[in-house]
């Protein structure tokens, strides 16, 4: 309220409401002029003060807690509809009404113990079902994560095994000695003897052939 008035606003500045208060105060209009022009400055100021107070009272009543004071506002509206204005006309009157008005006892029947019990059981069942669904989803996610980890471990082991196998094959190929023929000493001795006999037989054959050739030539010459 003070903020509105500090910025040039005001409550109770409505000409129609001021005219009504001037009429209630007995101010009469002169010819075709409104009562605000016919009234004295003091009368206009007093009427504006009344309008301001009524406006603030209605604002305060309208802003009251509806959950607590709805019955009051409903009753005032119903009475006004029947032609009787019981609305408070000042801030003090509104505060008195809100503080001293006796509320009617609620006619809504209180739920029986059995109904409350059933409602609590229903709520507990819903909470249990929600918890079970949440637990099931958690287990499913955990199982999927474990399977994923196992698959990753298997792939890792397979890759390491393949790499180790390739390294072993490469190392074996690089370090394997060239195969050589192993010949025992007895075999070498036997082969030497055979080669010696063959060489001797060849020499003997050549000598015999040369002797025969020379004999043939001698006979021919004679």
Foldseek 3Di string as FASTA:
>chain_A
DVVCVVVPHAFQPDVVQLLVLLVVVPQDDDDPDGSVVRDDPVSSVVSSVQRRFQRVQVVVLVPPDCVQCVVVVVVQVVVVVVPDHPRDRGNVVSVCCSVPPDDDDDPDDDDDPVVVVVVVVVVVVVVVVVVVVVVVVVVVVVVVVVVVVVVVVVVVVVVVVVVVVVVVVVVCVVPPDDDDDDDDPVRVVVVVVVVVVVVVVVVVVVVVVVVVVVVVVVVVVD
